[in-house]
Amino acid sequence: MSEPTLRQLRTFLAIVASGSVSVAARSLGITQPAASQQMRELERHMGVRLLERAAGLAKPTAAGEALLAPARRALAAADDATAAVAAHRSGEAGKVRLGTGATACIYLLPPALAAVRKRMPGLQLSVAMGNTDDMVRQVEDGTLDVALVTLPVPRIRSLAVTRLLTDPMMAVVPKHEAARFSEPVGAADLAQLPLILFEAGANVRSLVEGWYGAEGRPAKPAMELGNVEAIKALVAGGLGCSILPGSAIASGMRGAVAFALRPALKRNLAIVLRKEKIVDRGLRTVLDALLELSKPPLKR
């Protein structure tokens, strides 16, 4: 079996991502025949079919599915090799791929991203959003360079996890209902109103469910949403109460009031990075800006 080339692996991943050889070819800046040739050579080297047609799209076979993660790691390693050389130059350009949750992206990242832009204007910075497990998996396979996520994270030997800051969780109720509550509020108090929570799968949702469970009152949401601003709007509209990260309500809310919880609940955020990741100037700039989020007055 011959070893695949990076060009072949890149073509394979592009076809899987787009479901089309022609679309993948355009994204890579090559012709469709060239992309098809790359795939034929890759399959010949591997000795197995990697793609098949299904519903008009190019889909990975079982063997192709098995190749996805190693292919991504190989390209990530190639990027690291390039970064290792680039680290010896004093250029201003670079690229960093950062992953985080929607709440952190909206309420915590803006000052960090502004600091990065000021210190390294030529840095190309892309931000992906998702739940903790998705972001950690993408850091592991090299799709992302670094992630800012809510703990806990899966135990993976290849990853380094650095705790960054603590964010208190707060109860949020409609303003016209606030007189019914006294701080701090417990699960029994919040039972007076319909419960609106983050959708299942998010670490914040798991934290809230654990808090309710510890009080002997399983969380029974009337509504589930994936957007914190939508939750805040529904609470302000009088449709129920919620439990949200303090960072999401620190700037205040119209039509809603926040209360501390009894017992107190908090989420811990951390930076996740591959242990063997080469930290070039661009990534170091991003890491430094993230670490500054833990300094007063942002520390929770």
Protein backbone atom coordinates (compact mmCIF):
# COMPACT_ATOMS: atom_id res chain seq x y z
CA MET A 1 0.00 0.00 0.00
CA SER A 2 1.41 3.38 -1.05
CA GLU A 3 1.21 6.36 1.26
CA PRO A 4 -1.41 8.96 0.32
CA THR A 5 -0.30 12.48 -0.46
CA LEU A 6 -1.56 15.57 1.32
CA ARG A 7 -3.05 16.76 -1.96
CA GLN A 8 -5.06 13.56 -2.28
CA LEU A 9 -6.29 13.76 1.31
CA ARG A 10 -7.24 17.42 0.88
CA THR A 11 -9.20 16.56 -2.26
CA PHE A 12 -10.94 13.67 -0.50
CA LEU A 13 -12.00 15.85 2.45
CA ALA A 14 -13.22 18.62 0.13
CA ILE A 15 -15.39 16.18 -1.82
CA VAL A 16 -16.87 14.73 1.37
CA ALA A 17 -17.59 18.23 2.72
CA SER A 18 -19.32 19.42 -0.47
CA GLY A 19 -20.76 16.13 -1.74
CA SER A 20 -19.53 17.04 -5.21
CA VAL A 21 -16.30 16.53 -7.13
CA SER A 22 -16.87 19.64 -9.23
CA VAL A 23 -17.64 21.87 -6.23
CA ALA A 24 -14.62 20.49 -4.39
CA ALA A 25 -12.41 21.12 -7.42
CA ARG A 26 -13.52 24.77 -7.61
CA SER A 27 -12.87 25.26 -3.89
CA LEU A 28 -9.36 23.86 -4.31
CA GLY A 29 -8.64 25.85 -7.45
CA ILE A 30 -8.15 22.78 -9.68
CA THR A 31 -10.09 21.25 -12.54
CA GLN A 32 -12.71 18.54 -12.07
CA PRO A 33 -10.62 15.97 -14.01
CA ALA A 34 -7.67 16.74 -11.76
CA ALA A 35 -9.81 16.21 -8.64
CA SER A 36 -11.17 12.94 -10.05
CA GLN A 37 -7.63 11.80 -10.82
CA GLN A 38 -6.53 12.59 -7.28
CA MET A 39 -9.36 10.41 -5.96
CA ARG A 40 -8.57 7.55 -8.32
CA GLU A 41 -4.94 7.59 -7.23
CA LEU A 42 -5.91 7.73 -3.55
CA GLU A 43 -8.28 4.79 -3.88
CA ARG A 44 -5.65 2.85 -5.85
CA HIS A 45 -3.05 3.55 -3.16
CA MET A 46 -5.49 2.52 -0.43
CA GLY A 47 -6.76 -0.50 -2.31
CA VAL A 48 -10.40 0.25 -1.45
CA ARG A 49 -13.31 2.42 -2.57
CA LEU A 50 -13.57 5.58 -0.47
CA LEU A 51 -16.53 7.32 -2.14
CA GLU A 52 -19.89 6.25 -3.54
CA ARG A 53 -22.88 8.02 -5.07
CA ALA A 54 -26.02 8.34 -2.95
CA ALA A 55 -29.00 10.59 -3.71
CA GLY A 56 -26.89 12.40 -6.30
CA LEU A 57 -24.09 13.20 -3.86
CA ALA A 58 -20.61 11.83 -3.30
CA LYS A 59 -20.69 10.09 0.09
CA PRO A 60 -17.88 8.31 1.99
CA THR A 61 -18.01 4.52 2.14
CA ALA A 62 -17.34 2.75 5.42
CA ALA A 63 -13.64 2.86 4.54
CA GLY A 64 -13.98 6.54 3.67
CA GLU A 65 -15.58 7.26 7.05
CA ALA A 66 -12.63 5.55 8.73
CA LEU A 67 -10.23 7.78 6.78
CA LEU A 68 -11.86 11.11 7.71
CA ALA A 69 -10.29 11.67 11.14
CA PRO A 70 -6.77 10.51 10.17
CA ALA A 71 -6.93 12.65 7.04
CA ARG A 72 -7.85 15.71 9.07
CA ARG A 73 -5.04 15.00 11.54
CA ALA A 74 -2.57 14.62 8.69
CA LEU A 75 -3.52 18.00 7.23
CA ALA A 76 -3.41 19.56 10.70
CA ALA A 77 0.09 18.14 11.18
CA ALA A 78 1.10 19.64 7.84
CA ASP A 79 -0.26 23.00 8.99
CA ASP A 80 1.78 22.63 12.18
CA ALA A 81 4.88 21.92 10.12
CA THR A 82 4.29 25.08 8.12
CA ALA A 83 3.70 27.03 11.32
CA ALA A 84 6.95 25.72 12.78
CA VAL A 85 8.85 27.26 9.89
CA ALA A 86 6.76 30.42 9.93
CA ALA A 87 7.57 30.86 13.65
CA HIS A 88 11.14 31.72 12.60
CA ARG A 89 9.92 34.66 10.56
CA SER A 90 8.71 37.97 11.87
CA GLY A 91 5.83 38.40 9.44
CA GLU A 92 2.48 39.86 10.46
CA ALA A 93 0.27 37.33 8.67
CA GLY A 94 -1.17 34.11 10.05
CA LYS A 95 -4.38 32.18 10.67
CA VAL A 96 -6.02 30.91 13.87
CA ARG A 97 -9.22 28.84 14.06
CA LEU A 98 -11.05 29.35 17.34
CA GLY A 99 -14.09 27.43 18.58
CA THR A 100 -16.47 28.38 21.38
CA GLY A 101 -20.08 28.36 22.53
CA ALA A 102 -22.61 30.96 21.42
CA THR A 103 -22.82 32.65 24.84
CA ALA A 104 -19.06 33.08 25.17
CA CYS A 105 -18.86 34.28 21.56
CA ILE A 106 -21.43 37.02 22.17
CA TYR A 107 -20.54 38.18 25.67
CA LEU A 108 -16.91 37.26 26.40
CA LEU A 109 -14.97 37.13 23.13
CA PRO A 110 -15.47 40.64 21.68
CA PRO A 111 -12.82 42.36 23.87
CA ALA A 112 -10.39 39.49 23.28
CA LEU A 113 -10.90 39.62 19.52
CA ALA A 114 -10.49 43.40 19.56
CA ALA A 115 -7.19 43.00 21.41
CA VAL A 116 -6.00 40.42 18.87
CA ARG A 117 -6.90 42.70 15.95
CA LYS A 118 -5.00 45.59 17.54
CA ARG A 119 -1.86 43.55 18.26
CA MET A 120 -1.76 41.62 14.98
CA PRO A 121 -3.87 43.30 12.26
CA GLY A 122 -2.77 40.83 9.61
CA LEU A 123 -3.98 37.75 11.49
CA GLN A 124 -6.84 35.86 9.86
CA LEU A 125 -9.11 34.73 12.69
CA SER A 126 -12.07 32.40 12.15
CA VAL A 127 -14.58 31.57 14.90
CA ALA A 128 -16.76 28.45 14.96
CA MET A 129 -19.60 27.90 17.42
CA GLY A 130 -20.92 24.69 18.92
CA ASN A 131 -21.29 22.72 22.13
CA THR A 132 -18.29 21.65 24.21
CA ASP A 133 -18.03 18.10 22.86
CA ASP A 134 -18.07 19.31 19.24
CA MET A 135 -15.44 21.98 19.86
CA VAL A 136 -13.15 19.58 21.77
CA ARG A 137 -13.41 16.96 19.06
CA GLN A 138 -12.47 19.52 16.41
CA VAL A 139 -9.43 20.62 18.42
CA GLU A 140 -8.41 16.97 18.72
CA ASP A 141 -8.62 16.28 14.99
CA GLY A 142 -6.99 19.59 14.04
CA THR A 143 -10.02 21.29 12.52
CA LEU A 144 -9.68 23.97 15.22
CA ASP A 145 -6.49 25.39 16.74
CA VAL A 146 -7.97 26.29 20.12
CA ALA A 147 -11.34 26.31 21.88
CA LEU A 148 -12.94 28.23 24.73
CA VAL A 149 -15.53 25.91 26.27
CA THR A 150 -17.59 25.19 29.36
CA LEU A 151 -16.21 22.46 31.61
CA PRO A 152 -16.28 19.52 31.94
CA VAL A 153 -14.53 18.30 28.78
CA PRO A 154 -13.90 14.68 27.75
CA ARG A 155 -10.61 13.27 29.05
CA ILE A 156 -8.32 13.09 26.01
CA ARG A 157 -4.60 12.53 26.57
CA SER A 158 -3.57 14.61 23.58
CA LEU A 159 -5.29 17.76 24.86
CA ALA A 160 -4.27 20.37 27.43
CA VAL A 161 -7.09 22.03 29.37
CA THR A 162 -6.45 25.36 31.11
CA ARG A 163 -9.18 26.68 33.38
CA LEU A 164 -9.83 30.33 32.55
CA LEU A 165 -12.68 31.89 34.51
CA THR A 166 -15.81 31.21 36.53
CA ASP A 167 -19.21 32.51 35.44
CA PRO A 168 -22.08 32.46 37.99
CA MET A 169 -25.43 31.11 36.84
CA MET A 170 -28.41 33.36 37.57
CA ALA A 171 -32.17 32.92 37.67
CA VAL A 172 -34.00 35.25 35.28
CA VAL A 173 -37.70 36.08 35.68
CA PRO A 174 -40.08 38.54 33.98
CA LYS A 175 -39.94 42.00 35.57
CA HIS A 176 -43.65 41.99 36.42
CA GLU A 177 -43.17 38.70 38.31
CA ALA A 178 -40.08 39.79 40.26
CA ALA A 179 -42.05 40.81 43.38
CA ARG A 180 -42.93 37.13 43.92
CA PHE A 181 -39.27 36.25 44.49
CA SER A 182 -36.66 37.07 47.11
CA GLU A 183 -32.95 36.52 46.56
CA PRO A 184 -31.51 33.93 46.46
CA VAL A 185 -34.07 31.73 44.70
CA GLY A 186 -34.28 27.95 44.75
CA ALA A 187 -35.79 25.35 42.48
CA ALA A 188 -39.06 25.39 44.41
CA ASP A 189 -39.37 29.16 43.88
CA LEU A 190 -38.85 28.89 40.13
CA ALA A 191 -41.56 26.21 39.93
CA GLN A 192 -44.07 29.10 40.02
CA LEU A 193 -43.29 29.86 36.35
CA PRO A 194 -42.80 27.84 33.14
CA LEU A 195 -39.14 26.94 32.64
CA ILE A 196 -37.20 27.96 29.52
CA LEU A 197 -33.81 26.28 29.08
CA PHE A 198 -30.96 25.81 26.64
CA GLU A 199 -31.50 22.88 24.30
CA ALA A 200 -30.21 19.48 25.40
CA GLY A 201 -26.57 18.67 24.63
CA ALA A 202 -25.03 21.87 25.98
CA ASN A 203 -22.90 21.73 29.14
CA VAL A 204 -24.85 24.66 30.55
CA ARG A 205 -28.04 22.62 30.21
CA SER A 206 -26.40 19.71 32.05
CA LEU A 207 -25.32 22.04 34.87
CA VAL A 208 -28.86 23.34 35.30
CA GLU A 209 -30.35 19.84 35.22
CA GLY A 210 -27.85 18.77 37.89
CA TRP A 211 -28.83 21.75 40.06
CA TYR A 212 -32.51 20.88 39.82
CA GLY A 213 -31.78 17.20 40.45
CA ALA A 214 -29.83 17.98 43.61
CA GLU A 215 -32.93 19.76 44.93
CA GLY A 216 -35.12 16.77 44.17
CA ARG A 217 -36.97 18.60 41.42
CA PRO A 218 -36.11 17.33 37.93
CA ALA A 219 -35.92 20.14 35.38
CA LYS A 220 -39.02 20.08 33.18
CA PRO A 221 -38.65 22.83 30.56
CA ALA A 222 -41.72 24.16 28.83
CA MET A 223 -39.49 25.44 26.02
CA GLU A 224 -35.94 24.68 24.82
CA LEU A 225 -33.85 27.00 22.66
CA GLY A 226 -30.26 27.15 21.47
CA ASN A 227 -29.92 30.94 21.55
CA VAL A 228 -29.44 32.89 24.78
CA GLU A 229 -30.83 36.11 23.31
CA ALA A 230 -34.01 34.30 22.30
CA ILE A 231 -34.36 32.92 25.84
CA LYS A 232 -33.89 36.41 27.31
CA ALA A 233 -36.55 37.80 24.95
CA LEU A 234 -39.07 35.13 25.93
CA VAL A 235 -38.45 35.71 29.62
CA ALA A 236 -38.81 39.46 29.15
CA GLY A 237 -42.05 38.77 27.29
CA GLY A 238 -43.48 37.04 30.35
CA LEU A 239 -43.45 33.51 28.95
CA GLY A 240 -41.43 31.96 31.77
CA CYS A 241 -38.21 31.95 33.76
CA SER A 242 -34.74 30.65 32.99
CA ILE A 243 -31.26 30.07 34.40
CA LEU A 244 -28.53 31.78 32.38
CA PRO A 245 -24.79 32.52 32.66
CA GLY A 246 -24.09 35.75 34.50
CA SER A 247 -21.95 36.99 31.59
CA ALA A 248 -25.08 36.92 29.39
CA ILE A 249 -26.98 39.30 31.67
CA ALA A 250 -24.16 41.43 33.09
CA SER A 251 -25.08 44.38 30.87
CA GLY A 252 -28.71 44.28 32.08
CA MET A 253 -31.98 43.22 30.52
CA ARG A 254 -35.17 45.00 29.58
CA GLY A 255 -38.29 43.44 31.00
CA ALA A 256 -36.48 40.87 33.14
CA VAL A 257 -34.78 40.67 36.53
CA ALA A 258 -31.90 38.40 37.62
CA PHE A 259 -31.56 36.67 41.00
CA ALA A 260 -28.75 34.67 42.58
CA LEU A 261 -29.43 30.96 43.00
CA ARG A 262 -29.78 28.90 46.18
CA PRO A 263 -27.57 26.89 46.30
CA ALA A 264 -25.14 28.86 44.16
CA LEU A 265 -24.36 27.48 40.71
CA LYS A 266 -21.51 28.42 38.40
CA ARG A 267 -19.95 27.32 35.15
CA ASN A 268 -16.22 27.11 34.60
CA LEU A 269 -14.73 28.01 31.24
CA ALA A 270 -11.43 26.67 29.96
CA ILE A 271 -9.04 26.87 27.03
CA VAL A 272 -8.49 23.59 25.17
CA LEU A 273 -5.38 23.09 23.03
CA ARG A 274 -3.52 20.10 21.60
CA LYS A 275 -0.47 19.42 23.76
CA GLU A 276 1.78 19.11 20.72
CA LYS A 277 0.30 22.12 18.97
CA ILE A 278 2.98 24.49 17.72
CA VAL A 279 2.19 27.91 19.17
CA ASP A 280 3.20 30.43 16.53
CA ARG A 281 2.91 34.19 16.90
CA GLY A 282 -0.73 34.30 15.82
CA LEU A 283 -1.87 31.58 18.20
CA ARG A 284 0.16 33.07 21.03
CA THR A 285 -1.57 36.42 20.44
CA VAL A 286 -4.98 34.75 20.66
CA LEU A 287 -4.05 32.76 23.78
CA ASP A 288 -2.74 35.87 25.53
CA ALA A 289 -5.96 37.74 24.75
CA LEU A 290 -8.07 34.86 26.08
CA LEU A 291 -6.01 34.63 29.27
CA GLU A 292 -6.63 38.33 29.88
CA LEU A 293 -10.36 37.56 30.16
CA SER A 294 -9.65 36.08 33.59
CA LYS A 295 -8.29 39.36 34.91
CA PRO A 296 -10.50 41.83 36.86
CA PRO A 297 -13.09 43.15 36.26
CA LEU A 298 -14.17 40.22 34.03
CA LYS A 299 -13.28 37.49 36.50
CA ARG A 300 -16.42 35.91 37.95
